């Protein structure tokens, strides 16, 4: 892989890492919200918990994409 394509991949990785950080902020806020919902509001707790789980899966998926891009960049 030439340097131009490596630089493009590095830029994409940086964008993905920034996106992951933003998702992490949203997930943290949603977790705080979930933790403070009264127990009597089980439906809202279920929705907030599902949102937190899905945001966590999204971050895990971005980690995987970043690893694949790094492997491609590094010729692994």
PDB file of N, CA and C in Angstrom:
ATOM      1  N   UNK A   1       0.849  -1.175   0.000  1.00  0.00           N
ATOM      2  CA  UNK A   1       0.000   0.000   0.000  1.00  0.00           C
ATOM      3  C   UNK A   1       0.897   1.242   0.000  1.00  0.00           C
ATOM      4  N   UNK A   2       0.511   2.214  -0.809  1.00  0.00           N
ATOM      5  CA  UNK A   2       1.343   3.411  -0.875  1.00  0.00           C
ATOM      6  C   UNK A   2       0.978   4.395   0.241  1.00  0.00           C
ATOM      7  N   UNK A   3       1.813   5.401   0.366  1.00  0.00           N
ATOM      8  CA  UNK A   3       1.649   6.369   1.459  1.00  0.00           C
ATOM      9  C   UNK A   3       0.332   7.143   1.377  1.00  0.00           C
ATOM     10  N   UNK A   4      -0.111   7.450   0.168  1.00  0.00           N
ATOM     11  CA  UNK A   4      -1.360   8.197   0.013  1.00  0.00           C
ATOM     12  C   UNK A   4      -2.533   7.406   0.587  1.00  0.00           C
ATOM     13  N   UNK A   5      -2.600   6.118   0.246  1.00  0.00           N
ATOM     14  CA  UNK A   5      -3.689   5.297   0.773  1.00  0.00           C
ATOM     15  C   UNK A   5      -3.554   5.092   2.277  1.00  0.00           C
ATOM     16  N   UNK A   6      -2.340   4.966   2.779  1.00  0.00           N
ATOM     17  CA  UNK A   6      -2.134   4.860   4.230  1.00  0.00           C
ATOM     18  C   UNK A   6      -2.635   6.118   4.947  1.00  0.00           C
ATOM     19  N   UNK A   7      -2.351   7.272   4.364  1.00  0.00           N
ATOM     20  CA  UNK A   7      -2.811   8.526   4.953  1.00  0.00           C
ATOM     21  C   UNK A   7      -4.336   8.614   4.951  1.00  0.00           C
ATOM     22  N   UNK A   8      -4.964   8.139   3.892  1.00  0.00           N
ATOM     23  CA  UNK A   8      -6.426   8.129   3.830  1.00  0.00           C
ATOM     24  C   UNK A   8      -6.984   7.224   4.922  1.00  0.00           C
ATOM     25  N   UNK A   9      -6.399   6.052   5.075  1.00  0.00           N
ATOM     26  CA  UNK A   9      -6.852   5.127   6.118  1.00  0.00           C
ATOM     27  C   UNK A   9      -6.639   5.743   7.498  1.00  0.00           C
ATOM     28  N   UNK A  10      -5.502   6.393   7.700  1.00  0.00           N
ATOM     29  CA  UNK A  10      -5.255   7.055   8.990  1.00  0.00           C
ATOM     30  C   UNK A  10      -6.324   8.118   9.269  1.00  0.00           C
ATOM     31  N   UNK A  11      -6.716   8.845   8.249  1.00  0.00           N
ATOM     32  CA  UNK A  11      -7.753   9.862   8.398  1.00  0.00           C
ATOM     33  C   UNK A  11      -9.096   9.214   8.753  1.00  0.00           C
ATOM     34  N   UNK A  12      -9.408   8.131   8.096  1.00  0.00           N
ATOM     35  CA  UNK A  12     -10.653   7.407   8.391  1.00  0.00           C
ATOM     36  C   UNK A  12     -10.631   6.882   9.821  1.00  0.00           C
ATOM     37  N   UNK A  13      -9.507   6.318  10.235  1.00  0.00           N
ATOM     38  CA  UNK A  13      -9.378   5.809  11.603  1.00  0.00           C
ATOM     39  C   UNK A  13      -9.601   6.934  12.610  1.00  0.00           C
ATOM     40  N   UNK A  14      -9.014   8.083  12.337  1.00  0.00           N
ATOM     41  CA  UNK A  14      -9.191   9.225  13.241  1.00  0.00           C
ATOM     42  C   UNK A  14     -10.659   9.631  13.335  1.00  0.00           C
ATOM     43  N   UNK A  15     -11.339   9.667  12.200  1.00  0.00           N
ATOM     44  CA  UNK A  15     -12.758  10.018  12.196  1.00  0.00           C
ATOM     45  C   UNK A  15     -13.575   8.995  12.984  1.00  0.00           C
ATOM     46  N   UNK A  16     -13.249   7.724  12.807  1.00  0.00           N
ATOM     47  CA  UNK A  16     -13.972   6.674  13.536  1.00  0.00           C
ATOM     48  C   UNK A  16     -13.714   6.764  15.036  1.00  0.00           C
ATOM     49  N   UNK A  17     -12.478   7.057  15.409  1.00  0.00           N
ATOM     50  CA  UNK A  17     -12.170   7.207  16.832  1.00  0.00           C
ATOM     51  C   UNK A  17     -12.916   8.400  17.431  1.00  0.00           C
ATOM     52  N   UNK A  18     -13.047   9.483  16.678  1.00  0.00           N
ATOM     53  CA  UNK A  18     -13.822  10.640  17.141  1.00  0.00           C
ATOM     54  C   UNK A  18     -15.302  10.287  17.273  1.00  0.00           C
ATOM     55  N   UNK A  19     -15.804   9.541  16.305  1.00  0.00           N
ATOM     56  CA  UNK A  19     -17.196   9.107  16.369  1.00  0.00           C
ATOM     57  C   UNK A  19     -17.420   8.195  17.565  1.00  0.00           C
ATOM     58  N   UNK A  20     -16.487   7.312  17.820  1.00  0.00           N
ATOM     59  CA  UNK A  20     -16.601   6.420  18.970  1.00  0.00           C
ATOM     60  C   UNK A  20     -16.637   7.221  20.267  1.00  0.00           C
ATOM     61  N   UNK A  21     -15.807   8.233  20.368  1.00  0.00           N
ATOM     62  CA  UNK A  21     -15.783   9.070  21.573  1.00  0.00           C
ATOM     63  C   UNK A  21     -17.112   9.787  21.762  1.00  0.00           C
ATOM     64  N   UNK A  22     -17.712  10.254  20.686  1.00  0.00           N
ATOM     65  CA  UNK A  22     -19.018  10.920  20.773  1.00  0.00           C
ATOM     66  C   UNK A  22     -20.100   9.941  21.193  1.00  0.00           C
ATOM     67  N   UNK A  23     -20.051   8.731  20.646  1.00  0.00           N
ATOM     68  CA  UNK A  23     -21.019   7.698  21.028  1.00  0.00           C
ATOM     69  C   UNK A  23     -20.852   7.359  22.504  1.00  0.00           C
ATOM     70  N   UNK A  24     -19.609   7.286  22.951  1.00  0.00           N
ATOM     71  CA  UNK A  24     -19.341   6.984  24.354  1.00  0.00           C
ATOM     72  C   UNK A  24     -19.945   8.049  25.272  1.00  0.00           C
ATOM     73  N   UNK A  25     -19.874   9.308  24.867  1.00  0.00           N
ATOM     74  CA  UNK A  25     -20.483  10.389  25.654  1.00  0.00           C
ATOM     75  C   UNK A  25     -21.994  10.207  25.734  1.00  0.00           C
ATOM     76  N   UNK A  26     -22.614   9.896  24.603  1.00  0.00           N
ATOM     77  CA  UNK A  26     -24.060   9.689  24.576  1.00  0.00           C
ATOM     78  C   UNK A  26     -24.433   8.487  25.434  1.00  0.00           C
ATOM     79  N   UNK A  27     -23.647   7.424  25.333  1.00  0.00           N
ATOM     80  CA  UNK A  27     -23.920   6.216  26.111  1.00  0.00           C
ATOM     81  C   UNK A  27     -23.801   6.505  27.602  1.00  0.00           C
ATOM     82  N   UNK A  28     -22.823   7.274  27.984  1.00  0.00           N
ATOM     83  CA  UNK A  28     -22.640   7.635  29.386  1.00  0.00           C
ATOM     84  C   UNK A  28     -23.820   8.457  29.896  1.00  0.00           C
ATOM     85  N   UNK A  29     -24.261   9.418  29.089  1.00  0.00           N
ATOM     86  CA  UNK A  29     -25.424  10.221  29.467  1.00  0.00           C
ATOM     87  C   UNK A  29     -26.677   9.359  29.595  1.00  0.00           C
ATOM     88  N   UNK A  30     -26.845   8.446  28.654  1.00  0.00           N
ATOM     89  CA  UNK A  30     -28.014   7.566  28.691  1.00  0.00           C
ATOM     90  C   UNK A  30     -27.956   6.640  29.906  1.00  0.00           C
ATOM     91  N   UNK A  31     -26.750   6.187  30.246  1.00  0.00           N
ATOM     92  CA  UNK A  31     -26.599   5.331  31.426  1.00  0.00           C
ATOM     93  C   UNK A  31     -26.944   6.099  32.694  1.00  0.00           C
ATOM     94  N   UNK A  32     -26.499   7.341  32.778  1.00  0.00           N
ATOM     95  CA  UNK A  32     -26.857   8.182  33.928  1.00  0.00           C
ATOM     96  C   UNK A  32     -28.375   8.350  34.020  1.00  0.00           C
ATOM     97  N   UNK A  33     -29.002   8.605  32.876  1.00  0.00           N
ATOM     98  CA  UNK A  33     -30.454   8.733  32.832  1.00  0.00           C
ATOM     99  C   UNK A  33     -31.111   7.444  33.317  1.00  0.00           C
ATOM    100  N   UNK A  34     -30.651   6.313  32.806  1.00  0.00           N
ATOM    101  CA  UNK A  34     -31.202   5.007  33.174  1.00  0.00           C
ATOM    102  C   UNK A  34     -31.061   4.764  34.671  1.00  0.00           C
ATOM    103  N   UNK A  35     -29.914   5.097  35.207  1.00  0.00           N
ATOM    104  CA  UNK A  35     -29.648   4.864  36.626  1.00  0.00           C
ATOM    105  C   UNK A  35     -30.552   5.702  37.534  1.00  0.00           C
ATOM    106  N   UNK A  36     -31.096   6.785  37.002  1.00  0.00           N
ATOM    107  CA  UNK A  36     -31.905   7.690  37.813  1.00  0.00           C
ATOM    108  C   UNK A  36     -33.404   7.612  37.529  1.00  0.00           C
ATOM    109  N   UNK A  37     -33.820   6.670  36.691  1.00  0.00           N
ATOM    110  CA  UNK A  37     -35.249   6.490  36.437  1.00  0.00           C
ATOM    111  C   UNK A  37     -35.856   5.764  37.643  1.00  0.00           C
ATOM    112  N   UNK A  38     -36.969   6.244  38.133  1.00  0.00           N
ATOM    113  CA  UNK A  38     -37.623   5.550  39.253  1.00  0.00           C
ATOM    114  C   UNK A  38     -37.984   4.110  38.865  1.00  0.00           C
ATOM    115  N   UNK A  39     -37.848   3.205  39.796  1.00  0.00           N
ATOM    116  CA  UNK A  39     -38.100   1.789  39.532  1.00  0.00           C
ATOM    117  C   UNK A  39     -39.517   1.521  39.056  1.00  0.00           C
ATOM    118  N   UNK A  40     -40.438   2.404  39.375  1.00  0.00           N
ATOM    119  CA  UNK A  40     -41.822   2.224  38.957  1.00  0.00           C
ATOM    120  C   UNK A  40     -42.009   2.420  37.451  1.00  0.00           C
ATOM    121  N   UNK A  41     -41.025   2.973  36.799  1.00  0.00           N
ATOM    122  CA  UNK A  41     -41.119   3.254  35.363  1.00  0.00           C
ATOM    123  C   UNK A  41     -40.324   2.210  34.579  1.00  0.00           C
ATOM    124  N   UNK A  42     -40.733   0.957  34.718  1.00  0.00           N
ATOM    125  CA  UNK A  42     -39.968  -0.144  34.124  1.00  0.00           C
ATOM    126  C   UNK A  42     -39.873  -0.056  32.608  1.00  0.00           C
ATOM    127  N   UNK A  43     -40.908   0.438  31.948  1.00  0.00           N
ATOM    128  CA  UNK A  43     -40.860   0.535  30.486  1.00  0.00           C
ATOM    129  C   UNK A  43     -39.754   1.489  30.050  1.00  0.00           C
ATOM    130  N   UNK A  44     -39.616   2.611  30.721  1.00  0.00           N
ATOM    131  CA  UNK A  44     -38.552   3.568  30.379  1.00  0.00           C
ATOM    132  C   UNK A  44     -37.178   2.981  30.696  1.00  0.00           C
ATOM    133  N   UNK A  45     -37.098   2.234  31.782  1.00  0.00           N
ATOM    134  CA  UNK A  45     -35.828   1.588  32.134  1.00  0.00           C
ATOM    135  C   UNK A  45     -35.425   0.609  31.045  1.00  0.00           C
ATOM    136  N   UNK A  46     -36.393  -0.177  30.564  1.00  0.00           N
ATOM    137  CA  UNK A  46     -36.109  -1.160  29.511  1.00  0.00           C
ATOM    138  C   UNK A  46     -35.619  -0.485  28.228  1.00  0.00           C
ATOM    139  N   UNK A  47     -36.264   0.613  27.860  1.00  0.00           N
ATOM    140  CA  UNK A  47     -35.876   1.339  26.643  1.00  0.00           C
ATOM    141  C   UNK A  47     -34.479   1.937  26.810  1.00  0.00           C
ATOM    142  N   UNK A  48     -34.219   2.558  27.948  1.00  0.00           N
ATOM    143  CA  UNK A  48     -32.911   3.174  28.188  1.00  0.00           C
ATOM    144  C   UNK A  48     -31.812   2.119  28.249  1.00  0.00           C
ATOM    145  N   UNK A  49     -32.120   0.970  28.862  1.00  0.00           N
ATOM    146  CA  UNK A  49     -31.132  -0.113  28.934  1.00  0.00           C
ATOM    147  C   UNK A  49     -30.806  -0.645  27.540  1.00  0.00           C
ATOM    148  N   UNK A  50     -31.845  -0.810  26.716  1.00  0.00           N
ATOM    149  CA  UNK A  50     -31.619  -1.269  25.341  1.00  0.00           C
ATOM    150  C   UNK A  50     -30.777  -0.260  24.568  1.00  0.00           C
ATOM    151  N   UNK A  51     -31.052   1.026  24.762  1.00  0.00           N
ATOM    152  CA  UNK A  51     -30.264   2.063  24.088  1.00  0.00           C
ATOM    153  C   UNK A  51     -28.803   1.981  24.512  1.00  0.00           C
ATOM    154  N   UNK A  52     -28.569   1.824  25.812  1.00  0.00           N
ATOM    155  CA  UNK A  52     -27.190   1.711  26.319  1.00  0.00           C
ATOM    156  C   UNK A  52     -26.484   0.502  25.720  1.00  0.00           C
ATOM    157  N   UNK A  53     -27.190  -0.615  25.674  1.00  0.00           N
ATOM    158  CA  UNK A  53     -26.612  -1.830  25.104  1.00  0.00           C
ATOM    159  C   UNK A  53     -26.261  -1.628  23.631  1.00  0.00           C
ATOM    160  N   UNK A  54     -27.181  -1.036  22.873  1.00  0.00           N
ATOM    161  CA  UNK A  54     -26.926  -0.824  21.447  1.00  0.00           C
ATOM    162  C   UNK A  54     -25.789   0.159  21.203  1.00  0.00           C
ATOM    163  N   UNK A  55     -25.687   1.176  22.030  1.00  0.00           N
ATOM    164  CA  UNK A  55     -24.567   2.105  21.903  1.00  0.00           C
ATOM    165  C   UNK A  55     -23.245   1.408  22.217  1.00  0.00           C
ATOM    166  N   UNK A  56     -23.263   0.519  23.188  1.00  0.00           N
ATOM    167  CA  UNK A  56     -22.062  -0.264  23.520  1.00  0.00           C
ATOM    168  C   UNK A  56     -21.676  -1.165  22.337  1.00  0.00           C
ATOM    169  N   UNK A  57     -22.680  -1.806  21.722  1.00  0.00           N
ATOM    170  CA  UNK A  57     -22.409  -2.650  20.542  1.00  0.00           C
ATOM    171  C   UNK A  57     -21.830  -1.813  19.405  1.00  0.00           C
ATOM    172  N   UNK A  58     -22.345  -0.602  19.240  1.00  0.00           N
ATOM    173  CA  UNK A  58     -21.837   0.281  18.188  1.00  0.00           C
ATOM    174  C   UNK A  58     -20.364   0.611  18.423  1.00  0.00           C
ATOM    175  N   UNK A  59     -20.020   0.904  19.677  1.00  0.00           N
ATOM    176  CA  UNK A  59     -18.614   1.209  19.990  1.00  0.00           C
ATOM    177  C   UNK A  59     -17.732  -0.009  19.750  1.00  0.00           C
ATOM    178  N   UNK A  60     -18.221  -1.192  20.125  1.00  0.00           N
ATOM    179  CA  UNK A  60     -17.461  -2.418  19.884  1.00  0.00           C
ATOM    180  C   UNK A  60     -17.258  -2.643  18.387  1.00  0.00           C
ATOM    181  N   UNK A  61     -18.293  -2.375  17.612  1.00  0.00           N
ATOM    182  CA  UNK A  61     -18.197  -2.542  16.163  1.00  0.00           C
ATOM    183  C   UNK A  61     -17.187  -1.574  15.561  1.00  0.00           C
ATOM    184  N   UNK A  62     -17.178  -0.345  16.046  1.00  0.00           N
ATOM    185  CA  UNK A  62     -16.191   0.619  15.557  1.00  0.00           C
ATOM    186  C   UNK A  62     -14.779   0.169  15.899  1.00  0.00           C
ATOM    187  N   UNK A  63     -14.592  -0.394  17.090  1.00  0.00           N
ATOM    188  CA  UNK A  63     -13.278  -0.937  17.451  1.00  0.00           C
ATOM    189  C   UNK A  63     -12.841  -1.994  16.445  1.00  0.00           C
ATOM    190  N   UNK A  64     -13.786  -2.841  16.066  1.00  0.00           N
ATOM    191  CA  UNK A  64     -13.466  -3.904  15.108  1.00  0.00           C
ATOM    192  C   UNK A  64     -13.111  -3.325  13.738  1.00  0.00           C
ATOM    193  N   UNK A  65     -13.872  -2.343  13.294  1.00  0.00           N
ATOM    194  CA  UNK A  65     -13.586  -1.693  12.007  1.00  0.00           C
ATOM    195  C   UNK A  65     -12.205  -1.045  12.043  1.00  0.00           C
ATOM    196  N   UNK A  66     -11.894  -0.369  13.137  1.00  0.00           N
ATOM    197  CA  UNK A  66     -10.587   0.281  13.279  1.00  0.00           C
ATOM    198  C   UNK A  66      -9.476  -0.751  13.211  1.00  0.00           C
ATOM    199  N   UNK A  67      -9.655  -1.888  13.859  1.00  0.00           N
ATOM    200  CA  UNK A  67      -8.641  -2.946  13.814  1.00  0.00           C
ATOM    201  C   UNK A  67      -8.430  -3.457  12.393  1.00  0.00           C
ATOM    202  N   UNK A  68      -9.521  -3.644  11.640  1.00  0.00           N
ATOM    203  CA  UNK A  68      -9.389  -4.094  10.248  1.00  0.00           C
ATOM    204  C   UNK A  68      -8.660  -3.055   9.400  1.00  0.00           C
ATOM    205  N   UNK A  69      -8.987  -1.792   9.607  1.00  0.00           N
ATOM    206  CA  UNK A  69      -8.312  -0.738   8.848  1.00  0.00           C
ATOM    207  C   UNK A  69      -6.826  -0.670   9.186  1.00  0.00           C
ATOM    208  N   UNK A  70      -6.503  -0.813  10.465  1.00  0.00           N
ATOM    209  CA  UNK A  70      -5.093  -0.812  10.857  1.00  0.00           C
ATOM    210  C   UNK A  70      -4.352  -1.993  10.246  1.00  0.00           C
ATOM    211  N   UNK A  71      -5.001  -3.149  10.230  1.00  0.00           N
ATOM    212  CA  UNK A  71      -4.375  -4.336   9.624  1.00  0.00           C
ATOM    213  C   UNK A  71      -4.165  -4.124   8.129  1.00  0.00           C
ATOM    214  N   UNK A  72      -5.147  -3.517   7.454  1.00  0.00           N
ATOM    215  CA  UNK A  72      -5.005  -3.255   6.025  1.00  0.00           C
ATOM    216  C   UNK A  72      -3.878  -2.263   5.769  1.00  0.00           C
ATOM    217  N   UNK A  73      -3.823  -1.236   6.593  1.00  0.00           N
ATOM    218  CA  UNK A  73      -2.782  -0.210   6.463  1.00  0.00           C
ATOM    219  C   UNK A  73      -1.397  -0.798   6.661  1.00  0.00           C
ATOM    220  N   UNK A  74      -1.307  -1.693   7.641  1.00  0.00           N
ATOM    221  CA  UNK A  74      -0.012  -2.266   8.010  1.00  0.00           C
ATOM    222  C   UNK A  74       0.352  -3.503   7.200  1.00  0.00           C
ATOM    223  N   UNK A  75      -0.542  -3.919   6.302  1.00  0.00           N
ATOM    224  CA  UNK A  75      -0.250  -5.068   5.446  1.00  0.00           C
ATOM    225  C   UNK A  75      -0.302  -6.393   6.175  1.00  0.00           C
ATOM    226  N   UNK A  76      -1.140  -6.490   7.151  1.00  0.00           N
ATOM    227  CA  UNK A  76      -1.250  -7.755   7.920  1.00  0.00           C
ATOM    228  C   UNK A  76      -2.309  -8.650   7.323  1.00  0.00           C
TER     229      UNK A  76
END
